[in-house]
Amino acid sequence: MDSLSQIVLGAAVGEAVLGKKVGNKAPLWGAAFGTLPDLDSFISLFTSPLDYLIIHRGFSHSFLFAILMAPLFGYLLHRVYSRRNVEGSRKEWSLLVFWALLTHSLLDGFTSWGTQLLWPFTDYRAAISSIHVIDPFYTLPFLVCVLITLFLHRDSRARKFWNRLGLYLSTAYLCFTLLNKLTVNAVFKQALHKRGSSVLRMETYPTPLNNALWHVVAKEPDGYRLGIYSLLRENYHVDFVFIPHNHKLIKGHEEDRAIKALRWFSDESFSITQKGDTLVWNDLRFGILDGWQEGREIETNFKLNLIKEGEEYTGIRSLIFPVEKITQERWDAFWRLVRGEPVQ
């Protein structure tokens, strides 16, 4: 999830563990440790884009990281605050750190990027894909509750109420996204069945800023059938486009470092396009920016240019998010789709 969501969650967890004893120090440190795992993003300053994709949401997001860091930072915090006669045992400070770190990773596991919770025992990337990394319906009510909590006395019953309310609302919303995912899965399966599609695999993903509009990536023998559907639509009609996978363009390079890493990262949901002498890797999990309308060129949201050294693909030139292509026209079209209006 985005940093603000993780800060808010960490603050609420810190308050729940130790707020009654240490006041606002608990949500402050909870917020700090709630965002600590994402500091692995700074690795991008020192590594290649490919290594960043491999490392991000790895060790720092694992259960092992929470287990190792909790007693260390718990000891340091207890040592600092015990000298200032601040309540809170070493165990309680350790629990604050542990739960702030762990809930960060668990929340990330609900998104589509993939989180290596069991690193280093397996490189499996947990990705429930029920909520987008940016969802204000999760974050804003939670934020309001936490802000109210911070302005109340630590012994106040209202403080406990508002913090718990934030945790309950955010958890309930996550459950709501799971129900939405089950619903859209059924809709997409029925629509694909009606089309007579030979589906080898199907995955669904929410779109940014909401949990009503979803897209599906259905793998077929020659490519991917992408569909879009809003829960606000009055009927169960699904709009589809087809993208050839073009995996033949990387035939013979299956063992190249970049190809192996990207197949793992993309969870096998990718297509290849060629622009001049450059092969472009399209991660289809993040949907398409344009192309739902008939006759419009398909523009994917997440692209990577492959680097070839000699006869081997060894890396990627850049991470490409076509933010500059989000025009007012496309923005308006997106919200029409969210509201359930047909593709125009």
Foldseek 3Di string as FASTA:
>chain_A
DDLLQLLLVQLLLQCVLCCLQFNSVRSVVRSVLSNVLQVLCCVVVVDAPLVSLQPRLAPQLALVVLVVVLLVVLVVVCVVVVVVVGDDDSVSSSVSNSVSSNVSSVVQLQDAQFHHHHPPVDSGTRYVQLDYPAACQLRVQSVVLSVVLNPDDSNDPVNVVSSVVSVVSNVVVSVVSVVLLVVVVVLVVVQCVVVVAPFPDKDKHAAHHHRFKIKMWTDGPFFTKIWIAGNLAPDSDIQIDTDGQPPVVCPPACPFPSNVSVCSRLVNQWHWDDDPPWIKIASPNNDWLDDSDPPDDTHGQWIWIFDDDDHGGHGTDDTDGPPVPCDPVSVVQVVCRNNNHDRD
